[in-house]
């Protein structure tokens, strides 16, 4: 079976942002080292996926700001309804 590329017409995303790739250093390092956050990004921008498990572990293991924890909890809830994965649009 072949894989086809389609032009993207639009992307919907939820605001406010869940985390900041430039400022949430510990969280971004955790996601990248454990789950390959940057593997599907081009120069730090684009679409990427993380499993719900990654967010749950980050909340349990890292010292995160309360607003980040709350955002990740909302993402976990959404991810559980999406086969256990969260898609992020990073820009």
N, C-alpha and C. Protein backbone atom coordinates (compact mmCIF):
# COMPACT_ATOMS: atom_id res chain seq x y z
N UNK A 1 0.85 -1.17 0.00
CA UNK A 1 0.00 0.00 0.00
C UNK A 1 0.90 1.24 0.00
N UNK A 2 0.54 2.24 -0.78
CA UNK A 2 1.34 3.45 -0.85
C UNK A 2 0.85 4.49 0.16
N UNK A 3 1.70 5.45 0.44
CA UNK A 3 1.37 6.55 1.35
C UNK A 3 1.33 7.81 0.51
N UNK A 4 0.22 8.50 0.58
CA UNK A 4 0.04 9.71 -0.23
C UNK A 4 0.17 10.96 0.63
N UNK A 5 0.60 12.04 0.01
CA UNK A 5 0.72 13.33 0.70
C UNK A 5 -0.42 14.23 0.25
N UNK A 6 -1.06 14.87 1.20
CA UNK A 6 -2.16 15.77 0.90
C UNK A 6 -1.83 17.17 1.40
N UNK A 7 -2.19 18.15 0.60
CA UNK A 7 -2.04 19.55 1.01
C UNK A 7 -2.99 19.79 2.17
N UNK A 8 -2.52 20.49 3.18
CA UNK A 8 -3.34 20.80 4.35
C UNK A 8 -4.12 22.07 4.09
N UNK A 9 -5.41 21.99 4.30
CA UNK A 9 -6.27 23.15 4.08
C UNK A 9 -6.41 23.98 5.35
N UNK A 10 -6.39 23.33 6.48
CA UNK A 10 -6.52 24.06 7.73
C UNK A 10 -6.22 23.16 8.92
N UNK A 11 -5.80 23.76 10.00
CA UNK A 11 -5.51 23.03 11.23
C UNK A 11 -6.23 23.75 12.37
N UNK A 12 -7.03 23.00 13.10
CA UNK A 12 -7.68 23.54 14.30
C UNK A 12 -6.85 23.16 15.52
N UNK A 13 -6.65 24.09 16.42
CA UNK A 13 -5.92 23.79 17.65
C UNK A 13 -6.60 24.48 18.82
N UNK A 14 -6.33 23.95 20.01
CA UNK A 14 -6.95 24.43 21.23
C UNK A 14 -6.06 25.48 21.88
N UNK A 15 -6.66 26.56 22.34
CA UNK A 15 -5.92 27.58 23.08
C UNK A 15 -6.41 27.60 24.53
N UNK A 16 -5.58 27.99 25.46
CA UNK A 16 -4.17 28.39 25.30
C UNK A 16 -3.28 27.17 25.05
N UNK A 17 -2.02 27.43 24.76
CA UNK A 17 -1.08 26.34 24.49
C UNK A 17 -0.90 25.44 25.71
N UNK A 18 -0.54 24.19 25.46
CA UNK A 18 -0.34 23.22 26.54
C UNK A 18 1.01 23.40 27.22
N UNK A 19 2.04 23.66 26.43
CA UNK A 19 3.38 23.93 26.95
C UNK A 19 4.15 24.68 25.88
N UNK A 20 5.33 25.21 26.26
CA UNK A 20 6.12 26.05 25.37
C UNK A 20 7.46 25.37 25.11
N UNK A 21 7.74 25.08 23.86
CA UNK A 21 8.97 24.38 23.51
C UNK A 21 10.23 25.18 23.84
N UNK A 22 10.13 26.49 23.90
CA UNK A 22 11.29 27.33 24.20
C UNK A 22 11.49 27.56 25.69
N UNK A 23 10.44 27.45 26.49
CA UNK A 23 10.55 27.81 27.90
C UNK A 23 10.37 26.67 28.89
N UNK A 24 9.68 25.62 28.52
CA UNK A 24 9.46 24.49 29.43
C UNK A 24 10.54 23.44 29.18
N UNK A 25 11.78 23.83 29.52
CA UNK A 25 12.96 23.03 29.18
C UNK A 25 12.91 21.60 29.72
N UNK A 26 12.60 21.45 31.00
CA UNK A 26 12.60 20.13 31.62
C UNK A 26 11.54 19.22 30.97
N UNK A 27 10.37 19.75 30.73
CA UNK A 27 9.28 18.98 30.12
C UNK A 27 9.62 18.61 28.68
N UNK A 28 10.13 19.55 27.92
CA UNK A 28 10.48 19.30 26.52
C UNK A 28 11.60 18.25 26.44
N UNK A 29 12.59 18.34 27.30
CA UNK A 29 13.67 17.35 27.34
C UNK A 29 13.11 15.97 27.66
N UNK A 30 12.20 15.90 28.64
CA UNK A 30 11.56 14.65 29.03
C UNK A 30 10.81 14.03 27.84
N UNK A 31 10.02 14.84 27.15
CA UNK A 31 9.26 14.35 26.00
C UNK A 31 10.17 13.94 24.84
N UNK A 32 11.23 14.70 24.62
CA UNK A 32 12.11 14.40 23.49
C UNK A 32 12.94 13.14 23.76
N UNK A 33 13.56 13.06 24.93
CA UNK A 33 14.42 11.92 25.24
C UNK A 33 13.62 10.62 25.38
N UNK A 34 12.43 10.71 25.95
CA UNK A 34 11.66 9.51 26.18
C UNK A 34 10.69 9.14 25.08
N UNK A 35 10.27 10.14 24.30
CA UNK A 35 9.19 9.89 23.34
C UNK A 35 9.43 10.51 21.96
N UNK A 36 10.61 11.06 21.72
CA UNK A 36 10.96 11.57 20.40
C UNK A 36 10.15 12.77 19.93
N UNK A 37 9.92 13.72 20.84
CA UNK A 37 9.11 14.89 20.53
C UNK A 37 9.52 15.57 19.23
N UNK A 38 10.81 15.75 19.01
CA UNK A 38 11.29 16.52 17.86
C UNK A 38 11.45 15.70 16.58
N UNK A 39 11.26 14.39 16.63
CA UNK A 39 11.50 13.54 15.47
C UNK A 39 10.64 13.91 14.27
N UNK A 40 9.41 14.32 14.49
CA UNK A 40 8.54 14.65 13.36
C UNK A 40 8.43 16.15 13.10
N UNK A 41 9.19 16.94 13.85
CA UNK A 41 9.15 18.39 13.66
C UNK A 41 10.28 18.84 12.73
N UNK A 42 10.06 19.92 12.02
CA UNK A 42 11.07 20.51 11.16
C UNK A 42 11.47 21.83 11.79
N UNK A 43 12.73 21.92 12.22
CA UNK A 43 13.25 23.11 12.89
C UNK A 43 12.35 23.53 14.05
N UNK A 44 11.85 22.53 14.80
CA UNK A 44 11.05 22.80 15.99
C UNK A 44 9.61 23.16 15.72
N UNK A 45 9.14 23.01 14.49
CA UNK A 45 7.75 23.35 14.17
C UNK A 45 7.11 22.22 13.37
N UNK A 46 5.79 22.13 13.48
CA UNK A 46 5.05 21.12 12.73
C UNK A 46 4.11 20.34 13.63
N UNK A 47 3.73 19.15 13.17
CA UNK A 47 2.81 18.30 13.92
C UNK A 47 3.58 17.14 14.54
N UNK A 48 3.22 16.80 15.77
CA UNK A 48 3.84 15.67 16.44
C UNK A 48 2.79 15.00 17.34
N UNK A 49 3.06 13.78 17.73
CA UNK A 49 2.17 13.02 18.61
C UNK A 49 2.90 12.59 19.86
N UNK A 50 2.17 12.53 20.97
CA UNK A 50 2.69 11.95 22.22
C UNK A 50 1.62 11.04 22.79
N UNK A 51 2.05 9.93 23.42
CA UNK A 51 1.06 9.06 24.05
C UNK A 51 0.60 9.66 25.38
N UNK A 52 -0.61 9.34 25.77
CA UNK A 52 -1.15 9.79 27.06
C UNK A 52 -0.19 9.42 28.19
N UNK A 53 0.40 8.24 28.08
CA UNK A 53 1.35 7.75 29.09
C UNK A 53 2.48 8.76 29.34
N UNK A 54 2.97 9.42 28.29
CA UNK A 54 4.06 10.39 28.43
C UNK A 54 3.63 11.57 29.30
N UNK A 55 2.41 12.04 29.09
CA UNK A 55 1.92 13.18 29.87
C UNK A 55 1.69 12.78 31.33
N UNK A 56 1.15 11.59 31.54
CA UNK A 56 0.91 11.11 32.90
C UNK A 56 2.23 10.98 33.66
N UNK A 57 3.25 10.43 33.01
CA UNK A 57 4.57 10.29 33.64
C UNK A 57 5.19 11.65 33.92
N UNK A 58 5.04 12.59 32.99
CA UNK A 58 5.61 13.92 33.18
C UNK A 58 5.01 14.60 34.40
N UNK A 59 3.70 14.49 34.55
CA UNK A 59 3.03 15.09 35.71
C UNK A 59 3.52 14.45 37.00
N UNK A 60 3.70 13.13 36.99
CA UNK A 60 4.12 12.40 38.19
C UNK A 60 5.59 12.63 38.55
N UNK A 61 6.44 12.80 37.54
CA UNK A 61 7.88 12.81 37.78
C UNK A 61 8.53 14.20 37.77
N UNK A 62 7.91 15.18 37.15
CA UNK A 62 8.55 16.49 37.00
C UNK A 62 7.88 17.53 37.89
N UNK A 63 8.64 18.57 38.21
CA UNK A 63 8.11 19.70 38.97
C UNK A 63 7.65 20.75 37.97
N UNK A 64 6.36 20.70 37.64
CA UNK A 64 5.80 21.57 36.61
C UNK A 64 4.95 22.66 37.22
N UNK A 65 4.79 23.76 36.50
CA UNK A 65 3.91 24.84 36.95
C UNK A 65 2.47 24.33 36.94
N UNK A 66 1.66 24.87 37.85
CA UNK A 66 0.27 24.43 37.97
C UNK A 66 -0.50 24.57 36.66
N UNK A 67 -0.27 25.66 35.94
CA UNK A 67 -1.01 25.87 34.68
C UNK A 67 -0.63 24.83 33.64
N UNK A 68 0.63 24.38 33.66
CA UNK A 68 1.07 23.34 32.72
C UNK A 68 0.43 22.00 33.08
N UNK A 69 0.39 21.70 34.37
CA UNK A 69 -0.23 20.46 34.84
C UNK A 69 -1.71 20.43 34.42
N UNK A 70 -2.40 21.54 34.62
CA UNK A 70 -3.82 21.59 34.25
C UNK A 70 -4.01 21.40 32.75
N UNK A 71 -3.15 22.02 31.95
CA UNK A 71 -3.25 21.87 30.50
C UNK A 71 -2.98 20.42 30.09
N UNK A 72 -1.98 19.79 30.70
CA UNK A 72 -1.66 18.41 30.37
C UNK A 72 -2.79 17.47 30.78
N UNK A 73 -3.45 17.76 31.89
CA UNK A 73 -4.58 16.94 32.32
C UNK A 73 -5.73 17.02 31.31
N UNK A 74 -5.97 18.19 30.76
CA UNK A 74 -6.99 18.33 29.72
C UNK A 74 -6.59 17.56 28.46
N UNK A 75 -5.29 17.60 28.14
CA UNK A 75 -4.79 16.86 26.98
C UNK A 75 -4.93 15.36 27.20
N UNK A 76 -4.68 14.90 28.42
CA UNK A 76 -4.83 13.48 28.74
C UNK A 76 -6.27 13.04 28.52
N UNK A 77 -7.19 13.83 29.00
CA UNK A 77 -8.61 13.52 28.83
C UNK A 77 -8.96 13.41 27.34
N UNK A 78 -8.49 14.36 26.55
CA UNK A 78 -8.76 14.34 25.11
C UNK A 78 -8.05 13.15 24.45
N UNK A 79 -6.84 12.86 24.88
CA UNK A 79 -6.08 11.76 24.30
C UNK A 79 -6.70 10.40 24.57
N UNK A 80 -7.29 10.24 25.73
CA UNK A 80 -7.94 8.96 26.05
C UNK A 80 -9.12 8.71 25.13
N UNK A 81 -9.73 9.76 24.64
CA UNK A 81 -10.83 9.63 23.69
C UNK A 81 -10.32 9.46 22.26
N UNK A 82 -9.00 9.54 22.09
CA UNK A 82 -8.38 9.45 20.76
C UNK A 82 -7.35 8.31 20.73
N UNK A 83 -7.75 7.16 21.17
CA UNK A 83 -6.88 5.97 21.15
C UNK A 83 -5.58 6.12 21.93
N UNK A 84 -5.57 7.02 22.91
CA UNK A 84 -4.40 7.15 23.77
C UNK A 84 -3.29 8.05 23.25
N UNK A 85 -3.58 8.86 22.25
CA UNK A 85 -2.56 9.74 21.66
C UNK A 85 -3.05 11.17 21.62
N UNK A 86 -2.10 12.12 21.77
CA UNK A 86 -2.40 13.54 21.67
C UNK A 86 -1.55 14.08 20.52
N UNK A 87 -2.18 14.81 19.61
CA UNK A 87 -1.44 15.45 18.53
C UNK A 87 -1.22 16.90 18.90
N UNK A 88 0.02 17.37 18.70
CA UNK A 88 0.36 18.77 18.97
C UNK A 88 0.79 19.46 17.69
N UNK A 89 0.32 20.67 17.52
CA UNK A 89 0.76 21.54 16.42
C UNK A 89 1.69 22.56 17.05
N UNK A 90 2.95 22.48 16.70
CA UNK A 90 3.98 23.33 17.29
C UNK A 90 4.39 24.42 16.29
N UNK A 91 4.24 25.66 16.70
CA UNK A 91 4.63 26.78 15.83
C UNK A 91 4.95 27.99 16.67
